[in-house]
mmCIF file of all heavy atoms, coordinates in Angstrom:
data_MODEL
# 
_entry.id   MODEL 
# 
loop_
_atom_site.group_PDB 
_atom_site.id 
_atom_site.type_symbol 
_atom_site.label_atom_id 
_atom_site.label_alt_id 
_atom_site.label_comp_id 
_atom_site.label_asym_id 
_atom_site.label_entity_id 
_atom_site.label_seq_id 
_atom_site.pdbx_PDB_ins_code 
_atom_site.Cartn_x 
_atom_site.Cartn_y 
_atom_site.Cartn_z 
_atom_site.occupancy 
_atom_site.B_iso_or_equiv 
_atom_site.pdbx_formal_charge 
_atom_site.auth_seq_id 
_atom_site.auth_comp_id 
_atom_site.auth_asym_id 
_atom_site.auth_atom_id 
_atom_site.pdbx_PDB_model_num 
ATOM 1   N N   . LEU A 1 1  ? 0.834  -1.209 0.000   1.00 0.00 ? 1  LEU A N   1 
ATOM 2   C CA  . LEU A 1 1  ? 0.000  0.000  0.000   1.00 0.00 ? 1  LEU A CA  1 
ATOM 3   C C   . LEU A 1 1  ? 0.870  1.261  0.000   1.00 0.00 ? 1  LEU A C   1 
ATOM 4   O O   . LEU A 1 1  ? 0.549  2.240  -0.675  1.00 0.00 ? 1  LEU A O   1 
ATOM 5   C CB  . LEU A 1 1  ? -0.939 0.009  1.205   1.00 0.00 ? 1  LEU A CB  1 
ATOM 6   C CG  . LEU A 1 1  ? -2.043 -1.058 1.214   1.00 0.00 ? 1  LEU A CG  1 
ATOM 7   C CD1 . LEU A 1 1  ? -2.894 -0.941 2.461   1.00 0.00 ? 1  LEU A CD1 1 
ATOM 8   C CD2 . LEU A 1 1  ? -2.926 -0.955 -0.027  1.00 0.00 ? 1  LEU A CD2 1 
ATOM 9   N N   . MET A 1 2  ? 1.972  1.235  0.746   1.00 0.00 ? 2  MET A N   1 
ATOM 10  C CA  . MET A 1 2  ? 2.885  2.387  0.764   1.00 0.00 ? 2  MET A CA  1 
ATOM 11  C C   . MET A 1 2  ? 3.536  2.575  -0.607  1.00 0.00 ? 2  MET A C   1 
ATOM 12  O O   . MET A 1 2  ? 3.722  3.699  -1.068  1.00 0.00 ? 2  MET A O   1 
ATOM 13  C CB  . MET A 1 2  ? 3.966  2.196  1.839   1.00 0.00 ? 2  MET A CB  1 
ATOM 14  C CG  . MET A 1 2  ? 3.434  2.170  3.264   1.00 0.00 ? 2  MET A CG  1 
ATOM 15  S SD  . MET A 1 2  ? 2.474  3.649  3.691   1.00 0.00 ? 2  MET A SD  1 
ATOM 16  C CE  . MET A 1 2  ? 3.766  4.888  3.717   1.00 0.00 ? 2  MET A CE  1 
ATOM 17  N N   . PHE A 1 3  ? 3.873  1.468  -1.254  1.00 0.00 ? 3  PHE A N   1 
ATOM 18  C CA  . PHE A 1 3  ? 4.450  1.537  -2.606  1.00 0.00 ? 3  PHE A CA  1 
ATOM 19  C C   . PHE A 1 3  ? 3.431  2.148  -3.577  1.00 0.00 ? 3  PHE A C   1 
ATOM 20  O O   . PHE A 1 3  ? 3.778  3.003  -4.394  1.00 0.00 ? 3  PHE A O   1 
ATOM 21  C CB  . PHE A 1 3  ? 4.855  0.139  -3.070  1.00 0.00 ? 3  PHE A CB  1 
ATOM 22  C CG  . PHE A 1 3  ? 5.366  0.103  -4.489  1.00 0.00 ? 3  PHE A CG  1 
ATOM 23  C CD1 . PHE A 1 3  ? 6.669  0.471  -4.790  1.00 0.00 ? 3  PHE A CD1 1 
ATOM 24  C CD2 . PHE A 1 3  ? 4.530  -0.280 -5.532  1.00 0.00 ? 3  PHE A CD2 1 
ATOM 25  C CE1 . PHE A 1 3  ? 7.140  0.453  -6.104  1.00 0.00 ? 3  PHE A CE1 1 
ATOM 26  C CE2 . PHE A 1 3  ? 4.985  -0.300 -6.844  1.00 0.00 ? 3  PHE A CE2 1 
ATOM 27  C CZ  . PHE A 1 3  ? 6.299  0.057  -7.120  1.00 0.00 ? 3  PHE A CZ  1 
ATOM 28  N N   . PHE A 1 4  ? 2.168  1.715  -3.466  1.00 0.00 ? 4  PHE A N   1 
ATOM 29  C CA  . PHE A 1 4  ? 1.125  2.247  -4.350  1.00 0.00 ? 4  PHE A CA  1 
ATOM 30  C C   . PHE A 1 4  ? 0.892  3.739  -4.097  1.00 0.00 ? 4  PHE A C   1 
ATOM 31  O O   . PHE A 1 4  ? 0.596  4.489  -5.022  1.00 0.00 ? 4  PHE A O   1 
ATOM 32  C CB  . PHE A 1 4  ? -0.182 1.468  -4.172  1.00 0.00 ? 4  PHE A CB  1 
ATOM 33  C CG  . PHE A 1 4  ? -0.119 0.053  -4.702  1.00 0.00 ? 4  PHE A CG  1 
ATOM 34  C CD1 . PHE A 1 4  ? -0.696 -0.998 -4.006  1.00 0.00 ? 4  PHE A CD1 1 
ATOM 35  C CD2 . PHE A 1 4  ? 0.512  -0.228 -5.899  1.00 0.00 ? 4  PHE A CD2 1 
ATOM 36  C CE1 . PHE A 1 4  ? -0.633 -2.303 -4.487  1.00 0.00 ? 4  PHE A CE1 1 
ATOM 37  C CE2 . PHE A 1 4  ? 0.588  -1.521 -6.399  1.00 0.00 ? 4  PHE A CE2 1 
ATOM 38  C CZ  . PHE A 1 4  ? 0.015  -2.565 -5.679  1.00 0.00 ? 4  PHE A CZ  1 
ATOM 39  N N   . SER A 1 5  ? 1.020  4.159  -2.842  1.00 0.00 ? 5  SER A N   1 
ATOM 40  C CA  . SER A 1 5  ? 0.911  5.586  -2.532  1.00 0.00 ? 5  SER A CA  1 
ATOM 41  C C   . SER A 1 5  ? 1.979  6.375  -3.295  1.00 0.00 ? 5  SER A C   1 
ATOM 42  O O   . SER A 1 5  ? 1.713  7.458  -3.826  1.00 0.00 ? 5  SER A O   1 
ATOM 43  C CB  . SER A 1 5  ? 1.056  5.807  -1.024  1.00 0.00 ? 5  SER A CB  1 
ATOM 44  O OG  . SER A 1 5  ? 0.933  7.171  -0.706  1.00 0.00 ? 5  SER A OG  1 
ATOM 45  N N   . GLY A 1 6  ? 3.174  5.805  -3.355  1.00 0.00 ? 6  GLY A N   1 
ATOM 46  C CA  . GLY A 1 6  ? 4.262  6.427  -4.131  1.00 0.00 ? 6  GLY A CA  1 
ATOM 47  C C   . GLY A 1 6  ? 3.936  6.494  -5.614  1.00 0.00 ? 6  GLY A C   1 
ATOM 48  O O   . GLY A 1 6  ? 4.235  7.493  -6.280  1.00 0.00 ? 6  GLY A O   1 
ATOM 49  N N   . LEU A 1 7  ? 3.312  5.430  -6.128  1.00 0.00 ? 7  LEU A N   1 
ATOM 50  C CA  . LEU A 1 7  ? 2.898  5.428  -7.545  1.00 0.00 ? 7  LEU A CA  1 
ATOM 51  C C   . LEU A 1 7  ? 1.885  6.539  -7.814  1.00 0.00 ? 7  LEU A C   1 
ATOM 52  O O   . LEU A 1 7  ? 1.918  7.179  -8.864  1.00 0.00 ? 7  LEU A O   1 
ATOM 53  C CB  . LEU A 1 7  ? 2.271  4.077  -7.922  1.00 0.00 ? 7  LEU A CB  1 
ATOM 54  C CG  . LEU A 1 7  ? 3.191  2.932  -8.322  1.00 0.00 ? 7  LEU A CG  1 
ATOM 55  C CD1 . LEU A 1 7  ? 2.378  1.710  -8.725  1.00 0.00 ? 7  LEU A CD1 1 
ATOM 56  C CD2 . LEU A 1 7  ? 4.130  3.334  -9.466  1.00 0.00 ? 7  LEU A CD2 1 
ATOM 57  N N   . PHE A 1 8  ? 0.976  6.761  -6.856  1.00 0.00 ? 8  PHE A N   1 
ATOM 58  C CA  . PHE A 1 8  ? -0.019 7.831  -7.028  1.00 0.00 ? 8  PHE A CA  1 
ATOM 59  C C   . PHE A 1 8  ? 0.645  9.207  -7.049  1.00 0.00 ? 8  PHE A C   1 
ATOM 60  O O   . PHE A 1 8  ? 0.145  10.126 -7.701  1.00 0.00 ? 8  PHE A O   1 
ATOM 61  C CB  . PHE A 1 8  ? -1.086 7.773  -5.930  1.00 0.00 ? 8  PHE A CB  1 
ATOM 62  C CG  . PHE A 1 8  ? -2.167 6.765  -6.200  1.00 0.00 ? 8  PHE A CG  1 
ATOM 63  C CD1 . PHE A 1 8  ? -2.440 5.748  -5.300  1.00 0.00 ? 8  PHE A CD1 1 
ATOM 64  C CD2 . PHE A 1 8  ? -2.918 6.826  -7.374  1.00 0.00 ? 8  PHE A CD2 1 
ATOM 65  C CE1 . PHE A 1 8  ? -3.431 4.814  -5.556  1.00 0.00 ? 8  PHE A CE1 1 
ATOM 66  C CE2 . PHE A 1 8  ? -3.899 5.891  -7.644  1.00 0.00 ? 8  PHE A CE2 1 
ATOM 67  C CZ  . PHE A 1 8  ? -4.165 4.890  -6.737  1.00 0.00 ? 8  PHE A CZ  1 
ATOM 68  N N   . PHE A 1 9  ? 1.781  9.338  -6.357  1.00 0.00 ? 9  PHE A N   1 
ATOM 69  C CA  . PHE A 1 9  ? 2.528  10.598 -6.421  1.00 0.00 ? 9  PHE A CA  1 
ATOM 70  C C   . PHE A 1 9  ? 3.032  10.828 -7.844  1.00 0.00 ? 9  PHE A C   1 
ATOM 71  O O   . PHE A 1 9  ? 2.950  11.942 -8.375  1.00 0.00 ? 9  PHE A O   1 
ATOM 72  C CB  . PHE A 1 9  ? 3.693  10.584 -5.427  1.00 0.00 ? 9  PHE A CB  1 
ATOM 73  C CG  . PHE A 1 9  ? 4.505  11.848 -5.450  1.00 0.00 ? 9  PHE A CG  1 
ATOM 74  C CD1 . PHE A 1 9  ? 4.018  13.029 -4.903  1.00 0.00 ? 9  PHE A CD1 1 
ATOM 75  C CD2 . PHE A 1 9  ? 5.758  11.872 -6.060  1.00 0.00 ? 9  PHE A CD2 1 
ATOM 76  C CE1 . PHE A 1 9  ? 4.757  14.203 -4.951  1.00 0.00 ? 9  PHE A CE1 1 
ATOM 77  C CE2 . PHE A 1 9  ? 6.514  13.037 -6.111  1.00 0.00 ? 9  PHE A CE2 1 
ATOM 78  C CZ  . PHE A 1 9  ? 6.011  14.208 -5.554  1.00 0.00 ? 9  PHE A CZ  1 
ATOM 79  N N   . VAL A 1 10 ? 3.528  9.760  -8.474  1.00 0.00 ? 10 VAL A N   1 
ATOM 80  C CA  . VAL A 1 10 ? 3.992  9.842  -9.874  1.00 0.00 ? 10 VAL A CA  1 
ATOM 81  C C   . VAL A 1 10 ? 2.817  10.239 -10.787 1.00 0.00 ? 10 VAL A C   1 
ATOM 82  O O   . VAL A 1 10 ? 2.947  11.117 -11.641 1.00 0.00 ? 10 VAL A O   1 
ATOM 83  C CB  . VAL A 1 10 ? 4.581  8.482  -10.340 1.00 0.00 ? 10 VAL A CB  1 
ATOM 84  C CG1 . VAL A 1 10 ? 4.914  8.513  -11.824 1.00 0.00 ? 10 VAL A CG1 1 
ATOM 85  C CG2 . VAL A 1 10 ? 5.816  8.127  -9.510  1.00 0.00 ? 10 VAL A CG2 1 
ATOM 86  N N   . ALA A 1 11 ? 1.655  9.580  -10.568 1.00 0.00 ? 11 ALA A N   1 
ATOM 87  C CA  . ALA A 1 11 ? 0.469  9.869  -11.381 1.00 0.00 ? 11 ALA A CA  1 
ATOM 88  C C   . ALA A 1 11 ? 0.013  11.311 -11.191 1.00 0.00 ? 11 ALA A C   1 
ATOM 89  O O   . ALA A 1 11 ? -0.409 11.979 -12.143 1.00 0.00 ? 11 ALA A O   1 
ATOM 90  C CB  . ALA A 1 11 ? -0.663 8.907  -11.013 1.00 0.00 ? 11 ALA A CB  1 
ATOM 91  N N   . LEU A 1 12 ? 0.109  11.802 -9.938  1.00 0.00 ? 12 LEU A N   1 
ATOM 92  C CA  . LEU A 1 12 ? -0.279 13.193 -9.640  1.00 0.00 ? 12 LEU A CA  1 
ATOM 93  C C   . LEU A 1 12 ? 0.586  14.173 -10.429 1.00 0.00 ? 12 LEU A C   1 
ATOM 94  O O   . LEU A 1 12 ? 0.077  15.131 -11.023 1.00 0.00 ? 12 LEU A O   1 
ATOM 95  C CB  . LEU A 1 12 ? -0.153 13.446 -8.132  1.00 0.00 ? 12 LEU A CB  1 
ATOM 96  C CG  . LEU A 1 12 ? -0.510 14.853 -7.642  1.00 0.00 ? 12 LEU A CG  1 
ATOM 97  C CD1 . LEU A 1 12 ? -1.978 15.159 -7.872  1.00 0.00 ? 12 LEU A CD1 1 
ATOM 98  C CD2 . LEU A 1 12 ? -0.172 15.001 -6.154  1.00 0.00 ? 12 LEU A CD2 1 
ATOM 99  N N   . ILE A 1 13 ? 1.889  13.911 -10.462 1.00 0.00 ? 13 ILE A N   1 
ATOM 100 C CA  . ILE A 1 13 ? 2.813  14.769 -11.226 1.00 0.00 ? 13 ILE A CA  1 
ATOM 101 C C   . ILE A 1 13 ? 2.437  14.759 -12.713 1.00 0.00 ? 13 ILE A C   1 
ATOM 102 O O   . ILE A 1 13 ? 2.380  15.808 -13.369 1.00 0.00 ? 13 ILE A O   1 
ATOM 103 C CB  . ILE A 1 13 ? 4.289  14.316 -11.033 1.00 0.00 ? 13 ILE A CB  1 
ATOM 104 C CG1 . ILE A 1 13 ? 4.712  14.422 -9.561  1.00 0.00 ? 13 ILE A CG1 1 
ATOM 105 C CG2 . ILE A 1 13 ? 5.229  15.103 -11.930 1.00 0.00 ? 13 ILE A CG2 1 
ATOM 106 C CD1 . ILE A 1 13 ? 4.632  15.812 -8.966  1.00 0.00 ? 13 ILE A CD1 1 
ATOM 107 N N   . ILE A 1 14 ? 2.157  13.549 -13.240 1.00 0.00 ? 14 ILE A N   1 
ATOM 108 C CA  . ILE A 1 14 ? 1.793  13.438 -14.667 1.00 0.00 ? 14 ILE A CA  1 
ATOM 109 C C   . ILE A 1 14 ? 0.491  14.184 -14.958 1.00 0.00 ? 14 ILE A C   1 
ATOM 110 O O   . ILE A 1 14 ? 0.353  14.834 -15.995 1.00 0.00 ? 14 ILE A O   1 
ATOM 111 C CB  . ILE A 1 14 ? 1.683  11.958 -15.091 1.00 0.00 ? 14 ILE A CB  1 
ATOM 112 C CG1 . ILE A 1 14 ? 3.066  11.300 -15.036 1.00 0.00 ? 14 ILE A CG1 1 
ATOM 113 C CG2 . ILE A 1 14 ? 1.105  11.827 -16.503 1.00 0.00 ? 14 ILE A CG2 1 
ATOM 114 C CD1 . ILE A 1 14 ? 3.052  9.798  -15.197 1.00 0.00 ? 14 ILE A CD1 1 
ATOM 115 N N   . SER A 1 15 ? -0.475 14.119 -14.003 1.00 0.00 ? 15 SER A N   1 
ATOM 116 C CA  . SER A 1 15 ? -1.754 14.823 -14.200 1.00 0.00 ? 15 SER A CA  1 
ATOM 117 C C   . SER A 1 15 ? -1.569 16.341 -14.237 1.00 0.00 ? 15 SER A C   1 
ATOM 118 O O   . SER A 1 15 ? -2.409 17.065 -14.769 1.00 0.00 ? 15 SER A O   1 
ATOM 119 C CB  . SER A 1 15 ? -2.749 14.442 -13.093 1.00 0.00 ? 15 SER A CB  1 
ATOM 120 O OG  . SER A 1 15 ? -2.465 15.118 -11.881 1.00 0.00 ? 15 SER A OG  1 
ATOM 121 N N   . LEU A 1 16 ? -0.465 16.819 -13.653 1.00 0.00 ? 16 LEU A N   1 
ATOM 122 C CA  . LEU A 1 16 ? -0.151 18.252 -13.712 1.00 0.00 ? 16 LEU A CA  1 
ATOM 123 C C   . LEU A 1 16 ? 0.662  18.576 -14.969 1.00 0.00 ? 16 LEU A C   1 
ATOM 124 O O   . LEU A 1 16 ? 0.450  19.614 -15.597 1.00 0.00 ? 16 LEU A O   1 
ATOM 125 C CB  . LEU A 1 16 ? 0.628  18.672 -12.457 1.00 0.00 ? 16 LEU A CB  1 
ATOM 126 C CG  . LEU A 1 16 ? -0.110 18.483 -11.117 1.00 0.00 ? 16 LEU A CG  1 
ATOM 127 C CD1 . LEU A 1 16 ? 0.813  18.794 -9.947  1.00 0.00 ? 16 LEU A CD1 1 
ATOM 128 C CD2 . LEU A 1 16 ? -1.364 19.357 -11.053 1.00 0.00 ? 16 LEU A CD2 1 
ATOM 129 N N   . VAL A 1 17 ? 1.569  17.666 -15.352 1.00 0.00 ? 17 VAL A N   1 
ATOM 130 C CA  . VAL A 1 17 ? 2.408  17.875 -16.545 1.00 0.00 ? 17 VAL A CA  1 
ATOM 131 C C   . VAL A 1 17 ? 1.545  17.915 -17.815 1.00 0.00 ? 17 VAL A C   1 
ATOM 132 O O   . VAL A 1 17 ? 1.801  18.718 -18.714 1.00 0.00 ? 17 VAL A O   1 
ATOM 133 C CB  . VAL A 1 17 ? 3.483  16.763 -16.654 1.00 0.00 ? 17 VAL A CB  1 
ATOM 134 C CG1 . VAL A 1 17 ? 4.194  16.813 -18.008 1.00 0.00 ? 17 VAL A CG1 1 
ATOM 135 C CG2 . VAL A 1 17 ? 4.505  16.904 -15.534 1.00 0.00 ? 17 VAL A CG2 1 
ATOM 136 N N   . ILE A 1 18 ? 0.505  17.073 -17.860 1.00 0.00 ? 18 ILE A N   1 
ATOM 137 C CA  . ILE A 1 18 ? -0.345 17.023 -19.062 1.00 0.00 ? 18 ILE A CA  1 
ATOM 138 C C   . ILE A 1 18 ? -1.023 18.364 -19.317 1.00 0.00 ? 18 ILE A C   1 
ATOM 139 O O   . ILE A 1 18 ? -1.337 18.718 -20.454 1.00 0.00 ? 18 ILE A O   1 
ATOM 140 C CB  . ILE A 1 18 ? -1.388 15.879 -18.960 1.00 0.00 ? 18 ILE A CB  1 
ATOM 141 C CG1 . ILE A 1 18 ? -1.952 15.548 -20.354 1.00 0.00 ? 18 ILE A CG1 1 
ATOM 142 C CG2 . ILE A 1 18 ? -2.534 16.236 -18.006 1.00 0.00 ? 18 ILE A CG2 1 
ATOM 143 C CD1 . ILE A 1 18 ? -2.841 14.304 -20.366 1.00 0.00 ? 18 ILE A CD1 1 
ATOM 144 N N   . ARG A 1 19 ? -1.206 19.150 -18.248 1.00 0.00 ? 19 ARG A N   1 
ATOM 145 C CA  . ARG A 1 19 ? -1.832 20.472 -18.392 1.00 0.00 ? 19 ARG A CA  1 
ATOM 146 C C   . ARG A 1 19 ? -0.951 21.422 -19.221 1.00 0.00 ? 19 ARG A C   1 
ATOM 147 O O   . ARG A 1 19 ? -1.466 22.295 -19.908 1.00 0.00 ? 19 ARG A O   1 
ATOM 148 C CB  . ARG A 1 19 ? -2.090 21.099 -17.020 1.00 0.00 ? 19 ARG A CB  1 
ATOM 149 C CG  . ARG A 1 19 ? -3.144 20.360 -16.206 1.00 0.00 ? 19 ARG A CG  1 
ATOM 150 C CD  . ARG A 1 19 ? -3.045 20.749 -14.738 1.00 0.00 ? 19 ARG A CD  1 
ATOM 151 N NE  . ARG A 1 19 ? -3.903 19.922 -13.916 1.00 0.00 ? 19 ARG A NE  1 
ATOM 152 C CZ  . ARG A 1 19 ? -5.108 20.294 -13.476 1.00 0.00 ? 19 ARG A CZ  1 
ATOM 153 N NH1 . ARG A 1 19 ? -5.581 21.489 -13.785 1.00 0.00 ? 19 ARG A NH1 1 
ATOM 154 N NH2 . ARG A 1 19 ? -5.834 19.495 -12.736 1.00 0.00 ? 19 ARG A NH2 1 
ATOM 155 N N   . LEU A 1 20 ? 0.378  21.247 -19.125 1.00 0.00 ? 20 LEU A N   1 
ATOM 156 C CA  . LEU A 1 20 ? 1.300  22.066 -19.933 1.00 0.00 ? 20 LEU A CA  1 
ATOM 157 C C   . LEU A 1 20 ? 1.063  21.783 -21.413 1.00 0.00 ? 20 LEU A C   1 
ATOM 158 O O   . LEU A 1 20 ? 1.056  22.695 -22.245 1.00 0.00 ? 20 LEU A O   1 
ATOM 159 C CB  . LEU A 1 20 ? 2.752  21.772 -19.555 1.00 0.00 ? 20 LEU A CB  1 
ATOM 160 C CG  . LEU A 1 20 ? 3.151  22.001 -18.091 1.00 0.00 ? 20 LEU A CG  1 
ATOM 161 C CD1 . LEU A 1 20 ? 4.584  21.548 -17.841 1.00 0.00 ? 20 LEU A CD1 1 
ATOM 162 C CD2 . LEU A 1 20 ? 2.980  23.474 -17.721 1.00 0.00 ? 20 LEU A CD2 1 
ATOM 163 N N   . ASP A 1 21 ? 0.876  20.496 -21.733 1.00 0.00 ? 21 ASP A N   1 
ATOM 164 C CA  . ASP A 1 21 ? 0.587  20.083 -23.105 1.00 0.00 ? 21 ASP A CA  1 
ATOM 165 C C   . ASP A 1 21 ? -0.739 20.679 -23.571 1.00 0.00 ? 21 ASP A C   1 
ATOM 166 O O   . ASP A 1 21 ? -0.857 21.163 -24.710 1.00 0.00 ? 21 ASP A O   1 
ATOM 167 C CB  . ASP A 1 21 ? 0.529  18.545 -23.159 1.00 0.00 ? 21 ASP A CB  1 
ATOM 168 C CG  . ASP A 1 21 ? 1.057  18.003 -24.474 1.00 0.00 ? 21 ASP A CG  1 
ATOM 169 O OD1 . ASP A 1 21 ? 1.992  18.613 -25.031 1.00 0.00 ? 21 ASP A OD1 1 
ATOM 170 O OD2 . ASP A 1 21 ? 0.531  16.982 -24.953 1.00 0.00 ? 21 ASP A OD2 1 
ATOM 171 N N   . ILE A 1 22 ? -1.734 20.650 -22.682 1.00 0.00 ? 22 ILE A N   1 
ATOM 172 C CA  . ILE A 1 22 ? -3.059 21.182 -23.009 1.00 0.00 ? 22 ILE A CA  1 
ATOM 173 C C   . ILE A 1 22 ? -2.979 22.682 -23.285 1.00 0.00 ? 22 ILE A C   1 
ATOM 174 O O   . ILE A 1 22 ? -3.519 23.182 -24.268 1.00 0.00 ? 22 ILE A O   1 
ATOM 175 C CB  . ILE A 1 22 ? -4.062 20.894 -21.865 1.00 0.00 ? 22 ILE A CB  1 
ATOM 176 C CG1 . ILE A 1 22 ? -4.361 19.383 -21.792 1.00 0.00 ? 22 ILE A CG1 1 
ATOM 177 C CG2 . ILE A 1 22 ? -5.367 21.675 -22.055 1.00 0.00 ? 22 ILE A CG2 1 
ATOM 178 C CD1 . ILE A 1 22 ? -5.118 18.954 -20.540 1.00 0.00 ? 22 ILE A CD1 1 
ATOM 179 N N   . ARG A 1 23 ? -2.269 23.411 -22.402 1.00 0.00 ? 23 ARG A N   1 
ATOM 180 C CA  . ARG A 1 23 ? -2.143 24.874 -22.576 1.00 0.00 ? 23 ARG A CA  1 
ATOM 181 C C   . ARG A 1 23 ? -1.426 25.210 -23.881 1.00 0.00 ? 23 ARG A C   1 
ATOM 182 O O   . ARG A 1 23 ? -1.789 26.162 -24.584 1.00 0.00 ? 23 ARG A O   1 
ATOM 183 C CB  . ARG A 1 23 ? -1.382 25.480 -21.382 1.00 0.00 ? 23 ARG A CB  1 
ATOM 184 C CG  . ARG A 1 23 ? -2.226 25.544 -20.126 1.00 0.00 ? 23 ARG A CG  1 
ATOM 185 C CD  . ARG A 1 23 ? -1.639 26.493 -19.089 1.00 0.00 ? 23 ARG A CD  1 
ATOM 186 N NE  . ARG A 1 23 ? -2.253 26.209 -17.792 1.00 0.00 ? 23 ARG A NE  1 
ATOM 187 C CZ  . ARG A 1 23 ? -1.650 25.571 -16.800 1.00 0.00 ? 23 ARG A CZ  1 
ATOM 188 N NH1 . ARG A 1 23 ? -0.410 25.139 -16.960 1.00 0.00 ? 23 ARG A NH1 1 
ATOM 189 N NH2 . ARG A 1 23 ? -2.265 25.361 -15.653 1.00 0.00 ? 23 ARG A NH2 1 
ATOM 190 N N   . LYS A 1 24 ? -0.390 24.441 -24.193 1.00 0.00 ? 24 LYS A N   1 
ATOM 191 C CA  . LYS A 1 24 ? 0.364  24.674 -25.433 1.00 0.00 ? 24 LYS A CA  1 
ATOM 192 C C   . LYS A 1 24 ? -0.549 24.502 -26.654 1.00 0.00 ? 24 LYS A C   1 
ATOM 193 O O   . LYS A 1 24 ? -0.518 25.307 -27.588 1.00 0.00 ? 24 LYS A O   1 
ATOM 194 C CB  . LYS A 1 24 ? 1.531  23.678 -25.505 1.00 0.00 ? 24 LYS A CB  1 
ATOM 195 C CG  . LYS A 1 24 ? 2.647  24.097 -26.463 1.00 0.00 ? 24 LYS A CG  1 
ATOM 196 C CD  . LYS A 1 24 ? 3.668  22.994 -26.659 1.00 0.00 ? 24 LYS A CD  1 
ATOM 197 C CE  . LYS A 1 24 ? 4.384  22.624 -25.383 1.00 0.00 ? 24 LYS A CE  1 
ATOM 198 N NZ  . LYS A 1 24 ? 5.355  21.505 -25.592 1.00 0.00 ? 24 LYS A NZ  1 
ATOM 199 N N   . LEU A 1 25 ? -1.372 23.444 -26.630 1.00 0.00 ? 25 LEU A N   1 
ATOM 200 C CA  . LEU A 1 25 ? -2.299 23.184 -27.739 1.00 0.00 ? 25 LEU A CA  1 
ATOM 201 C C   . LEU A 1 25 ? -3.374 24.257 -27.836 1.00 0.00 ? 25 LEU A C   1 
ATOM 202 O O   . LEU A 1 25 ? -3.731 24.700 -28.930 1.00 0.00 ? 25 LEU A O   1 
ATOM 203 C CB  . LEU A 1 25 ? -2.956 21.810 -27.566 1.00 0.00 ? 25 LEU A CB  1 
ATOM 204 C CG  . LEU A 1 25 ? -2.112 20.621 -28.001 1.00 0.00 ? 25 LEU A CG  1 
ATOM 205 C CD1 . LEU A 1 25 ? -2.641 19.346 -27.386 1.00 0.00 ? 25 LEU A CD1 1 
ATOM 206 C CD2 . LEU A 1 25 ? -2.131 20.496 -29.520 1.00 0.00 ? 25 LEU A CD2 1 
ATOM 207 N N   . GLU A 1 26 ? -3.896 24.671 -26.676 1.00 0.00 ? 26 GLU A N   1 
ATOM 208 C CA  . GLU A 1 26 ? -4.928 25.727 -26.662 1.00 0.00 ? 26 GLU A CA  1 
ATOM 209 C C   . GLU A 1 26 ? -4.377 27.032 -27.236 1.00 0.00 ? 26 GLU A C   1 
ATOM 210 O O   . GLU A 1 26 ? -5.053 27.723 -27.996 1.00 0.00 ? 26 GLU A O   1 
ATOM 211 C CB  . GLU A 1 26 ? -5.428 25.951 -25.227 1.00 0.00 ? 26 GLU A CB  1 
ATOM 212 C CG  . GLU A 1 26 ? -6.353 24.851 -24.749 1.00 0.00 ? 26 GLU A CG  1 
ATOM 213 C CD  . GLU A 1 26 ? -6.734 24.983 -23.282 1.00 0.00 ? 26 GLU A CD  1 
ATOM 214 O OE1 . GLU A 1 26 ? -6.009 25.679 -22.525 1.00 0.00 ? 26 GLU A OE1 1 
ATOM 215 O OE2 . GLU A 1 26 ? -7.742 24.370 -22.875 1.00 0.00 ? 26 GLU A OE2 1 
# 
């Protein structure tokens, strides 16, 4: 469960990084 919590941190970062791509396209 602690390992999966770490994976969610990675996913959280990606969910923020994708916004840069979205803004660039917009």
